[in-house]
Amino acid sequence: MLSTIHPSDDSGGASVTLTLQDEPDTLALGEIIGRSLEPGLQLWLQGNLGAGKTTLTRGMLRGLGHTQKVKSPTYTLIEPYLVSRLDFYHFDFYRFDSPDEYLDAGLDEYFTGQGVCVVEWPDKASPHLPQPDVEIHLSLVGEGRQATVTAKTATGQACLNRLVEQLNTRGSATRPA
């Protein structure tokens, strides 16, 4: 897994971009992110179908110690987990036809507590969905993937700092842009 660190951009958020060679790299990144999470954090996962959003989430849960199967919430909207004494909510809004379906489903209550909320297809619930602390964009590049992790808040920046620290400790080829 190769990474590049970018300083703050115009939105005030720093980012790290990683090249993921295969699915095990995507899971490994998810595990590192999982170990970087703290209560109340909200993450948006962006990317086309098949980009690896659910695989990344599976890795996050593994990083928190979850050993059971991880299901995609495509048909259920939400899959809740209690892991490492942390409420972890995995959302998938792909099937929304209107952003108002987010309000109709009463999902806003999940975003006001101390649970970690990981959202696939967040644009389908905008403008009702609270803004993320961290946004992760996954894209297919050749045979692998590229992941860009961007901090959107101070809490997100703290998470990104922990992620970069763990990448450096792990020995990933991290270099400033």
N, C-alpha and C. Protein backbone atom coordinates (compact mmCIF):
# COMPACT_ATOMS: atom_id res chain seq x y z
N MET A 1 0.86 -1.16 0.00
CA MET A 1 0.00 0.00 0.00
C MET A 1 0.90 1.23 0.00
N LEU A 2 0.83 2.04 -1.03
CA LEU A 2 1.60 3.27 -1.12
C LEU A 2 0.69 4.44 -0.83
N SER A 3 1.20 5.47 -0.15
CA SER A 3 0.37 6.61 0.19
C SER A 3 1.11 7.91 -0.03
N THR A 4 0.32 8.96 -0.26
CA THR A 4 0.83 10.31 -0.41
C THR A 4 0.01 11.21 0.50
N ILE A 5 0.68 12.04 1.30
CA ILE A 5 0.00 12.96 2.20
C ILE A 5 -0.10 14.32 1.53
N HIS A 6 -1.28 14.91 1.56
CA HIS A 6 -1.49 16.23 0.99
C HIS A 6 -1.80 17.21 2.11
N PRO A 7 -1.22 18.41 2.08
CA PRO A 7 -1.54 19.41 3.10
C PRO A 7 -2.98 19.87 2.95
N SER A 8 -3.41 20.72 3.87
CA SER A 8 -4.79 21.22 3.82
C SER A 8 -5.10 21.81 2.46
N ASP A 9 -6.32 21.53 2.00
CA ASP A 9 -6.75 22.11 0.73
C ASP A 9 -7.64 23.31 1.01
N ASP A 10 -8.33 23.82 -0.01
CA ASP A 10 -9.16 25.00 0.16
C ASP A 10 -10.28 24.80 1.17
N SER A 11 -10.73 23.56 1.36
CA SER A 11 -11.80 23.30 2.31
C SER A 11 -11.26 23.15 3.73
N GLY A 12 -9.94 23.27 3.89
CA GLY A 12 -9.35 23.18 5.22
C GLY A 12 -9.00 21.77 5.64
N GLY A 13 -9.26 20.78 4.79
CA GLY A 13 -9.02 19.41 5.17
C GLY A 13 -7.78 18.83 4.51
N ALA A 14 -6.95 18.21 5.31
CA ALA A 14 -5.81 17.48 4.78
C ALA A 14 -6.30 16.14 4.27
N SER A 15 -5.50 15.50 3.42
CA SER A 15 -5.90 14.20 2.90
C SER A 15 -4.68 13.32 2.71
N VAL A 16 -4.96 12.04 2.60
CA VAL A 16 -3.94 11.05 2.25
C VAL A 16 -4.52 10.20 1.13
N THR A 17 -3.71 9.96 0.10
CA THR A 17 -4.13 9.15 -1.03
C THR A 17 -3.31 7.87 -1.03
N LEU A 18 -4.01 6.75 -1.16
CA LEU A 18 -3.34 5.45 -1.11
C LEU A 18 -3.64 4.65 -2.36
N THR A 19 -2.65 3.93 -2.83
CA THR A 19 -2.82 2.98 -3.92
C THR A 19 -3.01 1.61 -3.31
N LEU A 20 -4.13 0.99 -3.62
CA LEU A 20 -4.48 -0.32 -3.08
C LEU A 20 -4.39 -1.33 -4.21
N GLN A 21 -3.48 -2.26 -4.11
CA GLN A 21 -3.22 -3.20 -5.20
C GLN A 21 -4.33 -4.23 -5.37
N ASP A 22 -4.99 -4.60 -4.25
CA ASP A 22 -5.96 -5.69 -4.31
C ASP A 22 -6.91 -5.60 -3.12
N GLU A 23 -7.84 -6.56 -3.05
CA GLU A 23 -8.81 -6.56 -1.95
C GLU A 23 -8.14 -6.66 -0.58
N PRO A 24 -7.10 -7.48 -0.39
CA PRO A 24 -6.43 -7.49 0.92
C PRO A 24 -5.88 -6.12 1.33
N ASP A 25 -5.41 -5.31 0.38
CA ASP A 25 -4.97 -3.95 0.70
C ASP A 25 -6.15 -3.10 1.17
N THR A 26 -7.32 -3.27 0.51
CA THR A 26 -8.51 -2.51 0.90
C THR A 26 -8.94 -2.91 2.31
N LEU A 27 -8.93 -4.20 2.61
CA LEU A 27 -9.25 -4.67 3.96
C LEU A 27 -8.25 -4.13 4.97
N ALA A 28 -6.96 -4.15 4.62
CA ALA A 28 -5.91 -3.66 5.53
C ALA A 28 -6.09 -2.18 5.83
N LEU A 29 -6.41 -1.38 4.81
CA LEU A 29 -6.67 0.04 5.04
C LEU A 29 -7.87 0.19 5.97
N GLY A 30 -8.92 -0.58 5.72
CA GLY A 30 -10.10 -0.53 6.59
C GLY A 30 -9.75 -0.85 8.03
N GLU A 31 -8.90 -1.85 8.24
CA GLU A 31 -8.49 -2.21 9.60
C GLU A 31 -7.76 -1.06 10.28
N ILE A 32 -6.89 -0.39 9.54
CA ILE A 32 -6.16 0.75 10.10
C ILE A 32 -7.13 1.88 10.43
N ILE A 33 -8.07 2.15 9.53
CA ILE A 33 -9.08 3.18 9.80
C ILE A 33 -9.89 2.78 11.03
N GLY A 34 -10.29 1.51 11.12
CA GLY A 34 -11.06 1.04 12.26
C GLY A 34 -10.37 1.32 13.58
N ARG A 35 -9.06 1.14 13.61
CA ARG A 35 -8.30 1.41 14.83
C ARG A 35 -8.13 2.91 15.09
N SER A 36 -8.50 3.74 14.11
CA SER A 36 -8.37 5.19 14.23
C SER A 36 -9.69 5.86 14.62
N LEU A 37 -10.76 5.09 14.70
CA LEU A 37 -12.09 5.65 14.96
C LEU A 37 -12.28 6.04 16.42
N GLU A 38 -13.17 6.99 16.62
CA GLU A 38 -13.58 7.37 17.97
C GLU A 38 -15.08 7.62 17.97
N PRO A 39 -15.73 7.55 19.13
CA PRO A 39 -17.18 7.72 19.20
C PRO A 39 -17.65 9.02 18.54
N GLY A 40 -18.77 8.92 17.84
CA GLY A 40 -19.39 10.09 17.23
C GLY A 40 -18.87 10.44 15.85
N LEU A 41 -17.88 9.72 15.36
CA LEU A 41 -17.28 10.03 14.06
C LEU A 41 -18.23 9.65 12.93
N GLN A 42 -18.30 10.50 11.92
CA GLN A 42 -19.14 10.23 10.76
C GLN A 42 -18.26 10.20 9.51
N LEU A 43 -18.36 9.08 8.78
CA LEU A 43 -17.55 8.88 7.58
C LEU A 43 -18.45 8.68 6.37
N TRP A 44 -18.13 9.36 5.29
CA TRP A 44 -18.82 9.16 4.03
C TRP A 44 -17.91 8.37 3.12
N LEU A 45 -18.47 7.33 2.49
CA LEU A 45 -17.74 6.53 1.52
C LEU A 45 -18.29 6.85 0.13
N GLN A 46 -17.44 7.35 -0.73
CA GLN A 46 -17.82 7.72 -2.08
C GLN A 46 -17.15 6.77 -3.07
N GLY A 47 -17.82 6.49 -4.16
CA GLY A 47 -17.23 5.65 -5.20
C GLY A 47 -18.30 4.91 -5.97
N ASN A 48 -17.98 4.51 -7.16
CA ASN A 48 -18.91 3.78 -8.01
C ASN A 48 -19.19 2.39 -7.45
N LEU A 49 -20.18 1.72 -8.05
CA LEU A 49 -20.45 0.33 -7.69
C LEU A 49 -19.18 -0.49 -7.89
N GLY A 50 -18.88 -1.34 -6.93
CA GLY A 50 -17.71 -2.20 -7.04
C GLY A 50 -16.39 -1.54 -6.68
N ALA A 51 -16.43 -0.31 -6.17
CA ALA A 51 -15.19 0.40 -5.84
C ALA A 51 -14.55 -0.09 -4.55
N GLY A 52 -15.32 -0.81 -3.71
CA GLY A 52 -14.75 -1.36 -2.48
C GLY A 52 -15.26 -0.75 -1.19
N LYS A 53 -16.40 -0.06 -1.24
CA LYS A 53 -16.92 0.60 -0.04
C LYS A 53 -17.28 -0.39 1.06
N THR A 54 -17.99 -1.45 0.72
CA THR A 54 -18.36 -2.45 1.72
C THR A 54 -17.13 -3.23 2.19
N THR A 55 -16.20 -3.51 1.30
CA THR A 55 -14.96 -4.19 1.68
C THR A 55 -14.18 -3.34 2.67
N LEU A 56 -14.10 -2.03 2.42
CA LEU A 56 -13.40 -1.13 3.34
C LEU A 56 -14.09 -1.13 4.71
N THR A 57 -15.41 -1.12 4.71
CA THR A 57 -16.16 -1.16 5.97
C THR A 57 -15.92 -2.47 6.71
N ARG A 58 -15.88 -3.58 5.99
CA ARG A 58 -15.57 -4.87 6.60
C ARG A 58 -14.20 -4.80 7.29
N GLY A 59 -13.24 -4.16 6.65
CA GLY A 59 -11.93 -3.98 7.25
C GLY A 59 -11.99 -3.12 8.51
N MET A 60 -12.80 -2.05 8.48
CA MET A 60 -12.94 -1.20 9.67
C MET A 60 -13.44 -2.02 10.84
N LEU A 61 -14.45 -2.83 10.59
CA LEU A 61 -15.01 -3.66 11.66
C LEU A 61 -13.99 -4.67 12.16
N ARG A 62 -13.20 -5.25 11.27
CA ARG A 62 -12.13 -6.15 11.69
C ARG A 62 -11.12 -5.42 12.58
N GLY A 63 -10.80 -4.19 12.19
CA GLY A 63 -9.87 -3.39 12.98
C GLY A 63 -10.37 -3.12 14.39
N LEU A 64 -11.69 -3.14 14.55
CA LEU A 64 -12.30 -2.96 15.87
C LEU A 64 -12.48 -4.28 16.61
N GLY A 65 -12.13 -5.39 15.97
CA GLY A 65 -12.22 -6.69 16.63
C GLY A 65 -13.41 -7.54 16.23
N HIS A 66 -14.23 -7.08 15.29
CA HIS A 66 -15.40 -7.83 14.84
C HIS A 66 -14.95 -9.03 14.00
N THR A 67 -15.43 -10.21 14.33
CA THR A 67 -15.01 -11.42 13.62
C THR A 67 -16.15 -12.09 12.85
N GLN A 68 -17.36 -11.58 13.00
CA GLN A 68 -18.51 -12.18 12.33
C GLN A 68 -18.63 -11.64 10.90
N LYS A 69 -19.58 -12.20 10.17
CA LYS A 69 -19.84 -11.77 8.80
C LYS A 69 -20.31 -10.32 8.78
N VAL A 70 -19.92 -9.59 7.75
CA VAL A 70 -20.35 -8.21 7.55
C VAL A 70 -21.21 -8.19 6.29
N LYS A 71 -22.48 -7.80 6.46
CA LYS A 71 -23.41 -7.76 5.33
C LYS A 71 -23.50 -6.35 4.78
N SER A 72 -23.71 -6.26 3.48
CA SER A 72 -23.97 -4.96 2.87
C SER A 72 -25.38 -4.53 3.25
N PRO A 73 -25.56 -3.28 3.66
CA PRO A 73 -26.90 -2.80 4.01
C PRO A 73 -27.70 -2.28 2.82
N THR A 74 -27.37 -2.72 1.62
CA THR A 74 -28.05 -2.22 0.42
C THR A 74 -29.56 -2.38 0.51
N TYR A 75 -30.04 -3.49 1.04
CA TYR A 75 -31.48 -3.74 1.11
C TYR A 75 -32.08 -3.39 2.46
N THR A 76 -31.25 -3.27 3.49
CA THR A 76 -31.76 -3.00 4.84
C THR A 76 -31.54 -1.56 5.27
N LEU A 77 -30.80 -0.77 4.51
CA LEU A 77 -30.41 0.62 4.78
C LEU A 77 -29.37 0.75 5.88
N ILE A 78 -29.46 -0.11 6.92
CA ILE A 78 -28.52 0.00 8.04
C ILE A 78 -28.19 -1.39 8.58
N GLU A 79 -26.94 -1.57 8.92
CA GLU A 79 -26.49 -2.76 9.64
C GLU A 79 -25.78 -2.25 10.89
N PRO A 80 -26.37 -2.48 12.07
CA PRO A 80 -25.74 -2.01 13.32
C PRO A 80 -24.82 -3.08 13.91
N TYR A 81 -23.75 -2.64 14.53
CA TYR A 81 -22.79 -3.53 15.20
C TYR A 81 -22.42 -2.89 16.53
N LEU A 82 -22.22 -3.73 17.53
CA LEU A 82 -21.64 -3.28 18.80
C LEU A 82 -20.31 -3.98 18.90
N VAL A 83 -19.24 -3.23 18.78
CA VAL A 83 -17.91 -3.82 18.75
C VAL A 83 -16.94 -2.89 19.49
N SER A 84 -16.10 -3.49 20.32
CA SER A 84 -15.14 -2.71 21.12
C SER A 84 -15.86 -1.64 21.94
N ARG A 85 -17.03 -1.99 22.47
CA ARG A 85 -17.85 -1.06 23.24
C ARG A 85 -18.20 0.20 22.44
N LEU A 86 -18.30 0.04 21.14
CA LEU A 86 -18.59 1.16 20.24
C LEU A 86 -19.79 0.79 19.38
N ASP A 87 -20.77 1.68 19.31
CA ASP A 87 -21.88 1.50 18.39
C ASP A 87 -21.40 1.90 17.00
N PHE A 88 -21.51 0.99 16.05
CA PHE A 88 -21.02 1.20 14.69
C PHE A 88 -22.19 0.97 13.76
N TYR A 89 -22.55 1.99 12.98
CA TYR A 89 -23.70 1.90 12.08
C TYR A 89 -23.22 2.02 10.64
N HIS A 90 -23.53 1.00 9.85
CA HIS A 90 -23.14 0.97 8.44
C HIS A 90 -24.40 1.22 7.61
N PHE A 91 -24.44 2.32 6.89
CA PHE A 91 -25.59 2.72 6.09
C PHE A 91 -25.28 2.58 4.60
N ASP A 92 -26.32 2.32 3.82
CA ASP A 92 -26.19 2.30 2.36
C ASP A 92 -27.47 2.92 1.80
N PHE A 93 -27.35 4.09 1.18
CA PHE A 93 -28.50 4.81 0.66
C PHE A 93 -28.64 4.68 -0.86
N TYR A 94 -28.00 3.69 -1.44
CA TYR A 94 -28.01 3.51 -2.89
C TYR A 94 -29.43 3.45 -3.45
N ARG A 95 -30.33 2.81 -2.75
CA ARG A 95 -31.68 2.58 -3.27
C ARG A 95 -32.63 3.75 -3.06
N PHE A 96 -32.19 4.82 -2.42
CA PHE A 96 -33.06 5.98 -2.24
C PHE A 96 -33.38 6.61 -3.59
N ASP A 97 -34.66 6.89 -3.80
CA ASP A 97 -35.09 7.62 -4.99
C ASP A 97 -35.15 9.11 -4.71
N SER A 98 -35.27 9.46 -3.42
CA SER A 98 -35.37 10.86 -3.01
C SER A 98 -34.64 11.04 -1.68
N PRO A 99 -33.98 12.18 -1.49
CA PRO A 99 -33.33 12.44 -0.20
C PRO A 99 -34.30 12.41 0.98
N ASP A 100 -35.58 12.69 0.72
CA ASP A 100 -36.57 12.69 1.80
C ASP A 100 -36.77 11.30 2.40
N GLU A 101 -36.38 10.24 1.69
CA GLU A 101 -36.49 8.89 2.23
C GLU A 101 -35.64 8.74 3.49
N TYR A 102 -34.55 9.49 3.58
CA TYR A 102 -33.70 9.50 4.77
C TYR A 102 -34.52 9.95 5.98
N LEU A 103 -35.27 11.05 5.82
CA LEU A 103 -36.10 11.57 6.91
C LEU A 103 -37.26 10.62 7.20
N ASP A 104 -37.90 10.12 6.15
CA ASP A 104 -39.03 9.21 6.31
C ASP A 104 -38.65 7.95 7.09
N ALA A 105 -37.41 7.49 6.91
CA ALA A 105 -36.94 6.28 7.59
C ALA A 105 -36.53 6.55 9.03
N GLY A 106 -36.50 7.82 9.45
CA GLY A 106 -36.13 8.16 10.82
C GLY A 106 -34.67 7.90 11.15
N LEU A 107 -33.81 7.97 10.16
CA LEU A 107 -32.40 7.63 10.37
C LEU A 107 -31.59 8.75 11.00
N ASP A 108 -32.15 9.96 11.04
CA ASP A 108 -31.39 11.09 11.58
C ASP A 108 -31.00 10.91 13.04
N GLU A 109 -31.75 10.11 13.80
CA GLU A 109 -31.43 9.89 15.21
C GLU A 109 -30.09 9.19 15.40
N TYR A 110 -29.66 8.39 14.43
CA TYR A 110 -28.38 7.69 14.54
C TYR A 110 -27.19 8.65 14.47
N PHE A 111 -27.39 9.80 13.87
CA PHE A 111 -26.29 10.73 13.62
C PHE A 111 -26.14 11.78 14.72
N THR A 112 -26.89 11.66 15.80
CA THR A 112 -26.80 12.64 16.87
C THR A 112 -26.13 12.09 18.13
N GLY A 113 -25.83 10.82 18.15
CA GLY A 113 -25.24 10.20 19.33
C GLY A 113 -23.75 9.99 19.21
N GLN A 114 -23.27 9.04 19.97
CA GLN A 114 -21.84 8.74 20.02
C GLN A 114 -21.45 7.55 19.14
N GLY A 115 -22.39 7.06 18.35
CA GLY A 115 -22.06 5.96 17.45
C GLY A 115 -21.23 6.42 16.27
N VAL A 116 -20.47 5.50 15.70
CA VAL A 116 -19.74 5.77 14.47
C VAL A 116 -20.68 5.46 13.31
N CYS A 117 -20.83 6.41 12.40
CA CYS A 117 -21.72 6.24 11.25
C CYS A 117 -20.88 6.21 9.98
N VAL A 118 -20.95 5.09 9.26
CA VAL A 118 -20.25 4.93 7.99
C VAL A 118 -21.33 4.85 6.91
N VAL A 119 -21.28 5.78 5.95
CA VAL A 119 -22.36 5.92 4.98
C VAL A 119 -21.87 5.71 3.56
N GLU A 120 -22.47 4.71 2.89
CA GLU A 120 -22.26 4.53 1.46
C GLU A 120 -23.35 5.29 0.72
N TRP A 121 -23.01 5.91 -0.38
CA TRP A 121 -23.91 6.69 -1.21
C TRP A 121 -24.56 7.84 -0.42
N PRO A 122 -23.77 8.66 0.28
CA PRO A 122 -24.33 9.74 1.08
C PRO A 122 -25.06 10.80 0.26
N ASP A 123 -24.66 10.99 -1.00
CA ASP A 123 -25.30 12.00 -1.83
C ASP A 123 -26.79 11.74 -2.02
N LYS A 124 -27.20 10.48 -1.89
CA LYS A 124 -28.61 10.12 -2.05
C LYS A 124 -29.47 10.64 -0.90
N ALA A 125 -28.83 11.04 0.22
CA ALA A 125 -29.57 11.55 1.38
C ALA A 125 -29.34 13.05 1.59
N SER A 126 -28.52 13.65 0.75
CA SER A 126 -28.28 15.10 0.88
C SER A 126 -29.53 15.83 0.44
N PRO A 127 -29.86 16.93 1.07
CA PRO A 127 -29.11 17.74 2.02
C PRO A 127 -29.40 17.43 3.48
N HIS A 128 -30.14 16.36 3.74
CA HIS A 128 -30.57 16.07 5.11
C HIS A 128 -29.48 15.43 5.98
N LEU A 129 -28.56 14.74 5.37
CA LEU A 129 -27.51 14.03 6.09
C LEU A 129 -26.49 15.02 6.65
N PRO A 130 -26.11 14.88 7.93
CA PRO A 130 -25.08 15.77 8.48
C PRO A 130 -23.77 15.62 7.71
N GLN A 131 -23.00 16.67 7.67
CA GLN A 131 -21.71 16.64 6.98
C GLN A 131 -20.76 15.68 7.69
N PRO A 132 -19.85 15.06 6.93
CA PRO A 132 -18.96 14.05 7.52
C PRO A 132 -17.76 14.68 8.23
N ASP A 133 -17.17 13.89 9.11
CA ASP A 133 -15.88 14.25 9.69
C ASP A 133 -14.76 13.82 8.75
N VAL A 134 -14.99 12.70 8.09
CA VAL A 134 -14.02 12.13 7.15
C VAL A 134 -14.77 11.68 5.90
N GLU A 135 -14.20 11.99 4.75
CA GLU A 135 -14.75 11.51 3.49
C GLU A 135 -13.69 10.64 2.82
N ILE A 136 -14.12 9.46 2.36
CA ILE A 136 -13.21 8.53 1.71
C ILE A 136 -13.73 8.27 0.30
N HIS A 137 -12.91 8.60 -0.68
CA HIS A 137 -13.29 8.38 -2.07
C HIS A 137 -12.49 7.21 -2.62
N LEU A 138 -13.20 6.19 -3.09
CA LEU A 138 -12.58 5.00 -3.67
C LEU A 138 -12.83 4.98 -5.18
N SER A 139 -11.79 4.69 -5.93
CA SER A 139 -11.96 4.58 -7.38
C SER A 139 -11.11 3.43 -7.91
N LEU A 140 -11.60 2.83 -8.97
CA LEU A 140 -10.87 1.75 -9.62
C LEU A 140 -9.79 2.37 -10.49
N VAL A 141 -8.57 1.86 -10.35
CA VAL A 141 -7.43 2.33 -11.14
C VAL A 141 -6.68 1.10 -11.62
N GLY A 142 -6.78 0.83 -12.92
CA GLY A 142 -6.14 -0.37 -13.45
C GLY A 142 -6.71 -1.60 -12.78
N GLU A 143 -5.83 -2.46 -12.28
CA GLU A 143 -6.24 -3.68 -11.58
C GLU A 143 -6.55 -3.43 -10.11
N GLY A 144 -6.18 -2.25 -9.60
CA GLY A 144 -6.35 -1.97 -8.18
C GLY A 144 -7.33 -0.84 -7.93
N ARG A 145 -7.13 -0.17 -6.80
CA ARG A 145 -7.99 0.93 -6.39
C ARG A 145 -7.13 2.07 -5.88
N GLN A 146 -7.74 3.24 -5.86
CA GLN A 146 -7.13 4.38 -5.20
C GLN A 146 -8.11 4.85 -4.14
N ALA A 147 -7.60 5.14 -2.95
CA ALA A 147 -8.43 5.65 -1.86
C ALA A 147 -7.87 6.99 -1.42
N THR A 148 -8.73 7.99 -1.37
CA THR A 148 -8.34 9.30 -0.85
C THR A 148 -9.17 9.55 0.40
N VAL A 149 -8.48 9.72 1.52
CA VAL A 149 -9.11 9.95 2.81
C VAL A 149 -8.91 11.42 3.14
N THR A 150 -10.01 12.17 3.31
CA THR A 150 -9.95 13.61 3.55
C THR A 150 -10.63 13.96 4.86
N ALA A 151 -9.95 14.73 5.68
CA ALA A 151 -10.53 15.24 6.92
C ALA A 151 -11.41 16.44 6.59
N LYS A 152 -12.62 16.47 7.15
CA LYS A 152 -13.55 17.56 6.91
C LYS A 152 -13.82 18.40 8.15
N THR A 153 -13.41 17.90 9.32
CA THR A 153 -13.60 18.61 10.59
C THR A 153 -12.35 18.40 11.44
N ALA A 154 -12.30 19.09 12.57
CA ALA A 154 -11.17 18.89 13.50
C ALA A 154 -11.16 17.45 14.02
N THR A 155 -12.33 16.89 14.28
CA THR A 155 -12.41 15.49 14.71
C THR A 155 -11.91 14.57 13.61
N GLY A 156 -12.27 14.88 12.38
CA GLY A 156 -11.79 14.11 11.24
C GLY A 156 -10.29 14.24 11.07
N GLN A 157 -9.75 15.43 11.34
CA GLN A 157 -8.30 15.62 11.24
C GLN A 157 -7.57 14.77 12.26
N ALA A 158 -8.13 14.67 13.47
CA ALA A 158 -7.51 13.83 14.51
C ALA A 158 -7.51 12.36 14.05
N CYS A 159 -8.60 11.93 13.44
CA CYS A 159 -8.69 10.56 12.91
C CYS A 159 -7.66 10.36 11.80
N LEU A 160 -7.55 11.33 10.89
CA LEU A 160 -6.58 11.24 9.80
C LEU A 160 -5.15 11.19 10.34
N ASN A 161 -4.87 11.98 11.38
CA ASN A 161 -3.54 11.97 11.99
C ASN A 161 -3.21 10.58 12.55
N ARG A 162 -4.20 9.95 13.20
CA ARG A 162 -3.98 8.59 13.73
C ARG A 162 -3.76 7.60 12.60
N LEU A 163 -4.51 7.77 11.51
CA LEU A 163 -4.36 6.91 10.35
C LEU A 163 -2.94 7.02 9.78
N VAL A 164 -2.47 8.25 9.57
CA VAL A 164 -1.14 8.47 9.01
C VAL A 164 -0.07 7.91 9.94
N GLU A 165 -0.26 8.10 11.24
CA GLU A 165 0.70 7.56 12.22
C GLU A 165 0.78 6.03 12.10
N GLN A 166 -0.38 5.39 11.98
CA GLN A 166 -0.39 3.93 11.85
C GLN A 166 0.20 3.47 10.51
N LEU A 167 -0.04 4.23 9.45
CA LEU A 167 0.56 3.89 8.15
C LEU A 167 2.08 3.98 8.24
N ASN A 168 2.57 5.02 8.91
CA ASN A 168 4.02 5.18 9.08
C ASN A 168 4.60 4.05 9.92
N THR A 169 3.90 3.68 10.99
CA THR A 169 4.35 2.59 11.86
C THR A 169 4.36 1.27 11.10
N ARG A 170 3.35 1.10 10.25
CA ARG A 170 3.21 -0.14 9.48
C ARG A 170 4.29 -0.27 8.41
N GLY A 171 4.91 0.87 8.06
CA GLY A 171 5.97 0.82 7.06
C GLY A 171 5.50 1.08 5.65
N SER A 172 4.28 1.60 5.49
CA SER A 172 3.83 1.97 4.15
C SER A 172 4.71 3.09 3.64
N ALA A 173 4.91 3.14 2.36
CA ALA A 173 5.78 4.16 1.78
C ALA A 173 5.03 5.48 1.75
N THR A 174 4.97 6.16 2.89
CA THR A 174 4.27 7.43 3.00
C THR A 174 5.24 8.55 2.69
N ARG A 175 4.84 9.45 1.81
CA ARG A 175 5.71 10.55 1.44
C ARG A 175 4.89 11.81 1.27
N PRO A 176 5.43 12.98 1.63
CA PRO A 176 4.68 14.22 1.43
C PRO A 176 4.51 14.53 -0.05
N ALA A 177 3.40 15.16 -0.37
CA ALA A 177 3.14 15.54 -1.77
C ALA A 177 3.92 16.78 -2.13
